[in-house]
Protein backbone atom coordinates (compact mmCIF):
# COMPACT_ATOMS: atom_id res chain seq x y z
CA GLY A 1 -20.38 25.10 -11.64
CA HIS A 2 -24.09 23.82 -12.06
CA LEU A 3 -22.67 20.98 -13.94
CA VAL A 4 -20.54 20.49 -11.28
CA ASN A 5 -23.17 19.94 -8.99
CA GLN A 6 -25.62 17.97 -11.18
CA ALA A 7 -22.30 15.52 -11.85
CA LEU A 8 -22.00 15.51 -7.64
CA ALA A 9 -25.60 14.72 -7.17
CA ARG A 10 -25.85 11.62 -10.20
CA ALA A 11 -22.92 10.32 -9.11
CA PRO A 12 -23.18 7.11 -6.88
CA LYS A 13 -22.33 7.63 -3.43
CA ARG A 14 -20.91 4.03 -2.59
CA VAL A 15 -19.33 1.56 -4.74
CA SER A 16 -20.16 -2.46 -4.87
CA ILE A 17 -17.09 -4.86 -5.90
CA TYR A 18 -16.69 -8.70 -5.94
CA ASN A 19 -14.29 -11.28 -6.29
CA ARG A 20 -13.56 -13.47 -9.48
CA ARG A 21 -16.44 -15.89 -6.93
CA GLY A 22 -19.14 -13.49 -7.68
CA ASP A 23 -18.72 -12.99 -3.39
CA PRO A 24 -18.80 -9.25 -2.24
CA ALA A 25 -15.43 -7.98 -1.58
CA MET A 26 -15.40 -4.65 -1.33
CA LEU A 27 -18.24 -1.85 -0.08
CA LEU A 28 -16.66 1.56 -1.24
CA GLU A 29 -18.35 4.14 1.13
CA GLY A 30 -17.94 5.93 4.43
CA MET A 31 -14.77 4.85 6.44
CA ASN A 32 -14.20 1.32 5.23
CA SER A 33 -10.37 0.80 4.17
CA TYR A 34 -9.35 -1.83 1.57
CA TYR A 35 -5.78 -2.21 0.61
CA GLY A 36 -3.62 -3.13 -2.03
CA PRO A 37 -0.59 -2.57 -4.27
CA GLY A 38 0.22 -0.16 -7.33
CA PRO A 39 0.70 -0.69 -11.16
CA THR A 40 2.87 -1.10 -14.39
CA ILE A 41 5.74 -0.80 -12.46
CA GLN A 42 9.24 -1.09 -13.72
CA TYR A 43 11.17 -2.91 -12.10
CA VAL A 44 11.46 -5.27 -9.58
CA TYR A 45 13.24 -5.87 -5.89
CA ASP A 46 14.13 -9.88 -6.66
CA ALA A 47 13.96 -11.24 -3.40
CA PHE A 48 16.09 -14.42 -5.19
CA ASN A 49 18.41 -12.57 -5.72
CA ARG A 50 18.61 -9.97 -3.95
CA GLU A 51 18.98 -7.18 -7.06
CA ARG A 52 17.37 -5.02 -8.60
CA ARG A 53 15.80 -5.75 -12.20
CA PRO A 54 13.45 -5.17 -14.77
CA SER A 55 9.82 -6.64 -14.24
CA GLY A 56 8.05 -8.61 -16.55
CA LYS A 57 4.83 -10.79 -16.37
CA ALA A 58 6.17 -13.58 -14.18
CA ASP A 59 6.60 -10.81 -11.52
CA ILE A 60 2.77 -9.80 -12.58
CA GLN A 61 2.30 -13.61 -11.90
CA ASN A 62 4.30 -13.92 -8.34
CA ALA A 63 3.04 -10.15 -7.34
CA ALA A 64 -0.93 -11.25 -8.11
CA ARG A 65 -0.10 -14.53 -5.97
CA VAL A 66 1.31 -13.52 -3.01
CA CYS A 67 -1.73 -10.94 -3.03
CA ASP A 68 -4.40 -13.71 -3.55
CA TYR A 69 -2.46 -15.45 -0.01
CA LEU A 70 -2.05 -12.54 2.22
CA PRO A 71 -5.63 -11.81 4.54
CA ASN A 72 -5.16 -7.83 4.81
CA ILE A 73 -4.54 -6.93 0.76
CA ASP A 74 -8.00 -6.47 -0.52
CA PHE A 75 -7.53 -5.88 -3.98
CA VAL A 76 -4.74 -6.67 -6.66
CA MET A 77 -2.51 -4.51 -8.94
CA THR A 78 0.06 -5.46 -11.58
CA MET A 79 2.84 -4.68 -9.70
CA GLY A 80 5.23 -5.12 -13.08
CA MET A 81 4.88 -5.01 -16.50
CA THR A 82 4.67 -7.60 -19.28
CA GLY A 83 7.42 -7.53 -21.31
CA GLY A 84 9.22 -5.38 -18.67
CA VAL A 85 11.10 -1.78 -19.63
CA ASN A 86 11.18 -2.87 -23.50
CA PRO A 87 8.24 -4.82 -24.34
CA ARG A 88 9.77 -5.25 -27.88
CA GLY A 89 12.77 -6.71 -26.56
CA GLU A 90 10.58 -9.99 -25.94
CA GLY A 91 8.67 -9.50 -29.27
CA LEU A 92 5.61 -8.49 -28.15
CA ASN A 93 3.11 -5.92 -29.66
CA PRO A 94 3.17 -2.74 -26.39
CA SER A 95 -0.24 -2.02 -27.72
CA LEU A 96 -1.33 -5.54 -26.53
CA THR A 97 0.43 -5.90 -22.84
CA ASP A 98 -2.55 -4.30 -21.20
CA ARG A 99 -4.47 -7.41 -22.04
CA MET A 100 -1.36 -9.72 -21.35
CA ASP A 101 -1.11 -7.44 -17.78
CA PHE A 102 -5.03 -8.42 -16.87
CA ALA A 103 -4.80 -11.61 -18.02
CA ALA A 104 -1.81 -12.50 -15.84
CA MET A 105 -3.97 -11.21 -12.56
CA LEU A 106 -6.70 -12.68 -13.55
CA GLU A 107 -4.60 -16.40 -13.75
CA GLN A 108 -3.17 -16.05 -10.24
CA THR A 109 -6.24 -14.50 -8.04
CA VAL A 110 -9.70 -14.49 -6.86
CA LYS A 111 -9.67 -11.12 -5.49
CA PRO A 112 -10.69 -7.52 -7.40
CA LEU A 113 -7.80 -5.99 -10.02
CA VAL A 114 -7.61 -2.60 -10.37
CA PHE A 115 -6.29 -2.33 -13.79
CA SER A 116 -5.12 0.31 -16.47
CA ALA A 117 -5.50 -0.14 -20.15
CA TRP A 118 -3.75 1.70 -23.29
CA SER A 119 -6.95 2.36 -25.59
CA GLN A 120 -10.57 1.80 -25.36
CA GLU A 121 -10.09 -1.19 -27.81
CA GLY A 122 -7.97 -2.54 -24.95
CA LEU A 123 -10.42 -2.02 -22.60
CA ALA A 124 -13.37 -3.64 -24.12
CA ASP A 125 -11.19 -6.17 -24.65
CA ILE A 126 -10.73 -6.83 -20.26
CA LEU A 127 -14.15 -6.07 -19.92
CA ASP A 128 -14.81 -9.56 -22.86
CA MET A 129 -12.25 -11.56 -20.18
CA ALA A 130 -14.50 -10.20 -17.26
CA VAL A 131 -17.47 -11.56 -19.24
CA ALA A 132 -15.80 -14.92 -19.60
CA VAL A 133 -15.74 -14.81 -15.98
CA ARG A 134 -18.94 -13.93 -14.98
CA GLY A 135 -20.83 -15.71 -18.15
CA ASN A 136 -22.25 -12.49 -19.86
CA GLU A 137 -21.98 -8.74 -19.79
CA GLU A 138 -24.98 -7.82 -17.43
CA LEU A 139 -23.82 -9.90 -14.72
CA ALA A 140 -20.19 -8.71 -15.00
CA VAL A 141 -21.75 -4.81 -14.90
CA ARG A 142 -23.48 -5.46 -11.98
CA GLN A 143 -20.85 -7.70 -9.54
CA PRO A 144 -17.92 -6.19 -11.39
CA LEU A 145 -14.73 -7.59 -10.46
CA MET A 146 -12.29 -4.66 -12.13
CA ILE A 147 -12.11 -0.83 -11.68
CA LEU A 148 -10.46 0.66 -14.58
CA PHE A 149 -7.42 3.36 -13.20
CA THR A 150 -6.65 6.59 -15.20
CA GLN A 151 -5.66 9.68 -14.99
CA PRO A 152 -5.58 13.05 -16.21
CA ILE A 153 -1.81 14.87 -17.47
CA SER A 154 -1.64 17.18 -15.24
CA PRO A 155 -1.81 20.91 -15.46
CA LEU A 156 -5.46 20.23 -16.78
CA VAL A 157 -5.68 18.07 -19.45
CA ILE A 158 -7.06 14.74 -20.31
CA ASP A 159 -5.82 13.03 -22.90
CA THR A 160 -7.84 11.26 -25.69
CA GLU A 161 -7.84 8.16 -24.55
CA PRO A 162 -8.21 8.61 -20.90
CA ALA A 163 -11.10 10.25 -21.99
CA ARG A 164 -12.23 7.14 -24.51
CA GLN A 165 -12.15 5.32 -22.01
CA LEU A 166 -13.92 6.96 -19.31
CA LEU A 167 -16.92 7.36 -21.62
CA TYR A 168 -17.00 3.91 -22.53
CA CYS A 169 -16.93 3.19 -18.39
CA ALA A 170 -19.50 4.91 -17.91
CA GLU A 171 -21.28 3.94 -21.02
CA LYS A 172 -21.27 0.12 -19.44
CA GLY A 173 -21.43 0.61 -15.72
CA ILE A 174 -17.76 -0.25 -14.99
CA PRO A 175 -16.45 1.46 -12.27
CA ALA A 176 -13.36 3.72 -12.60
CA ILE A 177 -10.74 5.59 -10.54
CA PHE A 178 -9.76 9.22 -11.85
CA SER A 179 -6.93 10.17 -9.55
CA SER A 180 -5.17 13.55 -10.39
CA ALA A 181 -1.13 13.26 -9.35
CA PRO A 182 0.45 16.75 -10.36
CA THR A 183 3.55 17.87 -8.91
CA MET A 184 3.77 20.63 -6.54
CA GLY A 185 5.89 23.08 -8.44
CA SER A 186 6.21 21.92 -11.35
CA THR A 187 2.83 20.86 -12.87
CA ALA A 188 0.32 22.16 -10.23
CA PRO A 189 1.20 25.52 -8.18
CA ASN A 190 3.66 25.27 -5.12
CA SER A 191 1.21 25.63 -2.43
CA ILE A 192 -1.08 22.29 -1.52
CA ALA A 193 -4.34 24.84 -1.39
CA GLY A 194 -3.10 25.51 -5.23
CA SER A 195 -2.54 22.02 -5.61
CA VAL A 196 -5.86 20.74 -4.50
CA SER A 197 -7.53 23.23 -6.21
CA LEU A 198 -5.83 22.43 -9.61
CA ALA A 199 -6.34 18.28 -9.11
CA LEU A 200 -10.50 18.61 -7.85
CA ALA A 201 -10.71 21.08 -10.73
CA GLU A 202 -9.38 17.70 -12.78
CA PHE A 203 -11.19 15.37 -11.16
CA PHE A 204 -13.82 17.46 -11.68
CA SER A 205 -13.94 17.46 -15.25
CA ALA A 206 -13.99 13.36 -15.48
CA LEU A 207 -17.17 13.59 -12.98
CA VAL A 208 -18.68 15.86 -15.03
CA LEU A 209 -17.68 13.64 -18.32
CA THR A 210 -19.24 10.39 -16.64
CA GLN A 211 -22.26 11.38 -15.73
CA TYR A 212 -23.19 13.17 -18.43
CA LYS A 213 -22.68 9.90 -20.36
CA ASN A 214 -24.65 8.11 -18.04
CA PRO A 215 -25.90 9.36 -14.78
CA GLY A 216 -25.15 6.71 -12.06
CA ALA A 217 -21.68 5.64 -13.47
CA PRO A 218 -19.29 4.65 -10.69
CA VAL A 219 -16.36 6.92 -10.06
CA ILE A 220 -13.88 7.00 -7.30
CA MET A 221 -12.27 10.24 -6.55
CA GLY A 222 -8.53 10.32 -6.25
CA ALA A 223 -5.61 13.11 -5.87
CA GLY A 224 -1.92 13.01 -4.78
CA TYR A 225 0.15 15.75 -4.89
CA GLY A 226 3.29 17.03 -3.22
CA PRO A 227 6.61 19.19 -3.66
CA MET A 228 9.49 18.39 -6.10
CA ASP A 229 12.38 18.07 -4.41
CA PHE A 230 14.22 20.62 -5.53
CA ARG A 231 17.61 19.42 -4.51
CA LYS A 232 17.33 16.07 -6.76
CA GLY A 233 15.18 17.09 -8.99
CA SER A 234 12.71 13.70 -7.89
CA SER A 235 8.37 13.51 -7.22
CA PRO A 236 9.31 11.60 -4.23
CA TYR A 237 5.88 9.65 -2.45
CA ASN A 238 6.84 10.48 0.89
CA GLY A 239 6.59 13.34 3.44
CA PRO A 240 4.80 15.18 5.37
CA GLU A 241 2.44 17.71 2.17
CA PHE A 242 2.15 14.31 0.94
CA TYR A 243 0.37 12.64 3.88
CA VAL A 244 -1.43 15.80 4.45
CA SER A 245 -2.38 16.02 0.33
CA LYS A 246 -3.92 12.58 0.63
CA THR A 247 -5.86 13.04 4.02
CA VAL A 248 -7.55 16.39 2.47
CA ASN A 249 -8.58 14.35 -0.65
CA LYS A 250 -10.29 11.88 1.87
CA GLU A 251 -12.14 15.18 3.70
CA LEU A 252 -13.46 16.30 0.46
CA ALA A 253 -14.07 13.19 -0.96
CA ALA A 254 -16.14 12.47 2.14
CA TYR A 255 -18.02 16.25 1.67
CA TYR A 256 -18.74 15.47 -1.54
CA GLY A 257 -19.89 12.06 -0.49
CA LEU A 258 -18.10 10.03 -2.89
CA PRO A 259 -15.22 6.78 -2.36
CA ASP A 260 -11.47 7.64 -2.54
CA TRP A 261 -8.51 7.06 -3.48
CA ASN A 262 -5.40 6.99 -1.44
CA TYR A 263 -2.08 4.62 -1.15
CA GLY A 264 0.16 3.74 1.58
CA GLY A 265 3.00 0.67 2.57
CA LEU A 266 5.15 2.56 0.22
CA THR A 267 8.56 3.90 0.35
CA ASP A 268 11.06 6.48 -1.16
CA ALA A 269 13.87 3.90 -0.09
CA LYS A 270 16.27 1.83 -2.84
CA LEU A 271 15.82 -1.42 -0.32
CA LEU A 272 14.25 -2.33 2.47
CA ASP A 273 15.87 -0.57 5.53
CA GLY A 274 15.25 1.35 8.23
CA GLN A 275 14.06 4.37 6.09
CA ALA A 276 11.64 1.89 4.22
CA THR A 277 9.92 0.45 7.39
CA ALA A 278 9.29 4.04 8.78
CA GLU A 279 7.42 5.45 4.99
CA ALA A 280 5.77 2.29 4.69
CA ALA A 281 3.97 2.41 8.11
CA LEU A 282 3.61 5.87 8.58
CA SER A 283 1.93 6.39 5.58
CA LEU A 284 0.16 3.14 5.62
CA TYR A 285 -1.24 4.90 9.52
CA VAL A 286 -2.30 8.17 7.75
CA ALA A 287 -4.47 7.00 5.33
CA THR A 288 -6.40 4.44 7.28
CA SER A 289 -6.70 7.18 10.21
CA ALA A 290 -8.46 8.81 7.42
CA GLY A 291 -10.81 6.19 6.62
CA SER A 292 -9.36 6.10 2.93
CA ASN A 293 -11.82 3.63 1.05
CA MET A 294 -8.96 2.21 -1.39
CA ILE A 295 -5.92 2.62 -0.11
CA HIS A 296 -2.81 1.39 -3.15
CA ASP A 297 0.79 1.18 -3.71
CA VAL A 298 1.39 -1.37 -1.07
CA GLY A 299 5.05 -2.41 -1.86
CA TYR A 300 6.38 0.30 -4.29
CA MET A 301 9.69 1.66 -3.62
CA GLU A 302 11.77 3.64 -4.67
CA MET A 303 9.21 6.46 -5.69
CA GLY A 304 7.18 4.13 -7.85
CA MET A 305 10.32 2.70 -9.86
CA THR A 306 11.00 -1.11 -8.16
CA ALA A 307 8.25 -3.47 -6.85
CA CYS A 308 9.29 -5.12 -3.55
CA LEU A 309 7.01 -8.36 -2.57
CA GLU A 310 8.52 -8.32 0.65
CA LEU A 311 7.92 -5.06 1.43
CA LEU A 312 3.95 -5.74 0.63
CA VAL A 313 4.42 -8.78 3.04
CA MET A 314 5.64 -6.29 5.68
CA ALA A 315 2.83 -4.08 5.10
CA ASP A 316 0.41 -7.29 5.59
CA GLU A 317 1.25 -7.29 8.94
CA LEU A 318 1.02 -3.89 9.31
CA ILE A 319 -2.73 -3.34 7.84
CA SER A 320 -3.41 -5.98 10.53
CA GLY A 321 -2.47 -3.84 13.71
CA PHE A 322 -3.82 -0.81 11.97
CA LYS A 323 -7.53 -2.31 11.52
CA LYS A 324 -6.68 -3.47 15.37
CA MET A 325 -6.41 -0.22 16.54
CA PHE A 326 -9.74 1.53 14.97
CA THR A 327 -12.14 -1.40 15.44
CA GLY A 328 -13.30 0.51 18.43
CA ILE A 329 -13.02 -0.43 22.03
CA PRO A 330 -16.49 -2.22 23.00
CA MET A 331 -17.49 -1.30 26.53
CA ASP A 332 -20.19 -3.95 27.73
CA ASP A 333 -20.50 -5.46 30.78
CA GLU A 334 -18.55 -8.63 29.65
CA SER A 335 -15.85 -6.46 28.39
CA LEU A 336 -15.67 -4.05 31.75
CA GLY A 337 -15.53 -6.71 33.88
CA LEU A 338 -16.14 -4.36 36.74
CA ASP A 339 -17.29 -7.31 38.66
CA MET A 340 -14.42 -9.38 38.68
CA ILE A 341 -12.39 -6.13 39.58
CA ASP A 342 -13.98 -5.82 42.47
CA ARG A 343 -14.02 -9.42 43.10
CA VAL A 344 -9.56 -9.66 42.63
CA GLY A 345 -9.40 -6.77 44.71
CA PRO A 346 -6.30 -5.14 45.31
CA GLY A 347 -2.78 -6.89 44.77
CA GLY A 348 -4.40 -10.09 43.17
CA HIS A 349 -3.91 -11.11 39.90
CA TYR A 350 -6.06 -11.95 36.59
CA LEU A 351 -3.90 -14.83 35.25
CA ALA A 352 -6.65 -18.06 36.22
CA GLU A 353 -9.84 -15.64 35.52
CA LYS A 354 -12.17 -17.27 32.91
CA HIS A 355 -12.37 -13.16 31.53
CA THR A 356 -8.57 -13.39 30.46
CA ARG A 357 -8.93 -16.98 28.71
CA ASP A 358 -12.52 -15.46 26.79
CA HIS A 359 -10.58 -12.61 25.55
CA VAL A 360 -6.76 -13.92 25.17
CA ARG A 361 -7.76 -14.25 21.52
CA GLU A 362 -8.87 -10.77 21.08
CA ILE A 363 -5.02 -9.70 21.61
CA TRP A 364 -2.95 -8.99 18.39
CA HIS A 365 -0.02 -10.89 18.17
CA PRO A 366 2.67 -10.16 14.95
CA GLU A 367 3.68 -13.14 13.23
CA LEU A 368 7.07 -11.35 11.39
CA PHE A 369 7.48 -8.41 14.13
CA ASP A 370 9.62 -10.10 17.02
CA ARG A 371 8.51 -9.49 20.74
CA ASP A 372 11.12 -12.44 22.13
CA SER A 373 13.77 -11.75 24.89
CA PHE A 374 17.19 -11.17 23.86
CA ALA A 375 18.21 -14.93 24.80
CA GLY A 376 14.87 -16.35 22.46
CA TRP A 377 15.57 -14.65 19.61
CA GLU A 378 19.39 -15.37 19.57
CA ALA A 379 18.62 -19.11 20.56
CA ASP A 380 16.06 -18.86 17.27
CA GLY A 381 18.94 -18.08 14.61
CA SER A 382 18.82 -13.81 15.07
CA GLN A 383 17.00 -13.26 12.67
CA THR A 384 16.76 -9.89 11.26
CA LEU A 385 13.18 -8.74 10.18
CA GLU A 386 14.30 -8.61 6.36
CA THR A 387 15.05 -12.38 6.95
CA ARG A 388 11.97 -12.91 8.09
CA LEU A 389 10.26 -11.05 5.64
CA ASN A 390 12.33 -12.84 2.42
CA HIS A 391 11.60 -16.53 4.18
CA LYS A 392 8.05 -15.71 4.11
CA LEU A 393 7.68 -14.23 1.03
CA LYS A 394 9.88 -17.20 -0.28
CA TRP A 395 7.04 -19.83 1.07
CA ILE A 396 4.07 -17.96 -0.50
CA LEU A 397 5.60 -17.98 -4.21
CA GLU A 398 6.24 -21.75 -3.36
CA ASN A 399 3.45 -23.36 -1.41
CA HIS A 400 0.35 -21.16 -2.09
CA ARG A 401 -2.02 -21.51 -5.25
CA THR A 402 -4.26 -19.90 -6.14
CA GLU A 403 -8.02 -21.72 -7.35
CA PRO A 404 -7.84 -21.69 -10.78
CA LEU A 405 -9.89 -20.49 -13.73
CA SER A 406 -11.89 -22.80 -15.98
CA THR A 407 -10.80 -24.32 -18.76
CA GLU A 408 -13.35 -22.55 -20.89
CA VAL A 409 -12.30 -19.18 -19.57
CA LYS A 410 -8.72 -19.65 -19.86
CA LYS A 411 -9.65 -20.56 -23.65
CA GLU A 412 -11.80 -17.62 -23.88
CA VAL A 413 -8.76 -15.09 -22.38
CA VAL A 414 -6.74 -16.58 -24.91
CA ARG A 415 -8.59 -16.04 -27.90
CA ILE A 416 -9.65 -12.39 -26.85
CA ILE A 417 -5.55 -11.86 -26.68
CA ASP A 418 -5.32 -13.79 -29.73
CA ARG A 419 -8.09 -11.72 -31.78
CA ALA A 420 -6.59 -8.47 -30.62
CA SER A 421 -3.02 -9.38 -32.24
CA THR A 422 -4.55 -10.40 -35.34
CA ALA A 423 -6.53 -7.25 -35.70
CA ARG A 424 -3.21 -5.31 -35.45
């Protein structure tokens, strides 16, 4: 216990993350919430041919470019796998695809990157890419544009590579997310209380490692546990136990004064249907109302097996609405308008009032959710939400161009990957 308490005292209470330009992008503390997709996903729901297929490098690039465009998506994860389900099928060395995944994201967005590495050597090469962007290692660590995401193997195991990577991150000062994800009744007790105890022990083990390697190393606390569906043998992402577990993790992180890692905007559905919309909205609402700092897996379908960029676009609109909900209500004299209420009096109206004009842009207006009359909706082509999302996604992919990397940085990224390939 005393080792854990000492580690908690050493861990930073806030973590600052920057974008590729070096601008502040995320301040992970308190109730600040930031949103992004998920990692290393095997399949993608193709918006053009309407089919589920294995993901590849182009899908990582597309996801990063869409995230770069969407105003309410704050960080980027791979949302695919270089080489797809079978990297060897493309003649790739699977041990090198972590570098390729990171490079594919780096090229297509200026936003911060959350990544996974397959080895400490891969992690070191990825840091070298960040150094190429920043110009030197000191600046790359002082203004981090990347966060490592790694996990234990429940119950109660930190494997060799995650341990090596945690220690490397601590030594260098690279921010790291360590997120336990046991399944109740399978790799954790079949109760929320038992699962939170197990998950907390797993996180504290990582915290002790990092803080005794380098006091003050930035670590973000994650835990997500829920029951198996014993009827199907599956591990769903949605349901009351999952939402409660993520809220409990935020409360514990706040108690310990640490930034937290949550999820939202995801579904267990296989298509973008009513279930997908309901689960994406509810999971986002729970995470946002809890004030979680990093909310990932936006755009996940099929229990984390399939990426859906249309779901990502829909979630962006949901997030904008939730941000409006949780910004608070101004109660100053201008907002109250008591003199105006007295002057207009009973039976009047406020359409012609300057107060109405001054505040009209404060009202939240959706871009994709329909508010028209039936006649207006019909005149506009009777489009469903799914159709509007598909059109919007295709427009982004066809029109948005990310701020490019410099020629020098591109050459250095290629050199790093070639060096790793030669070393193998």
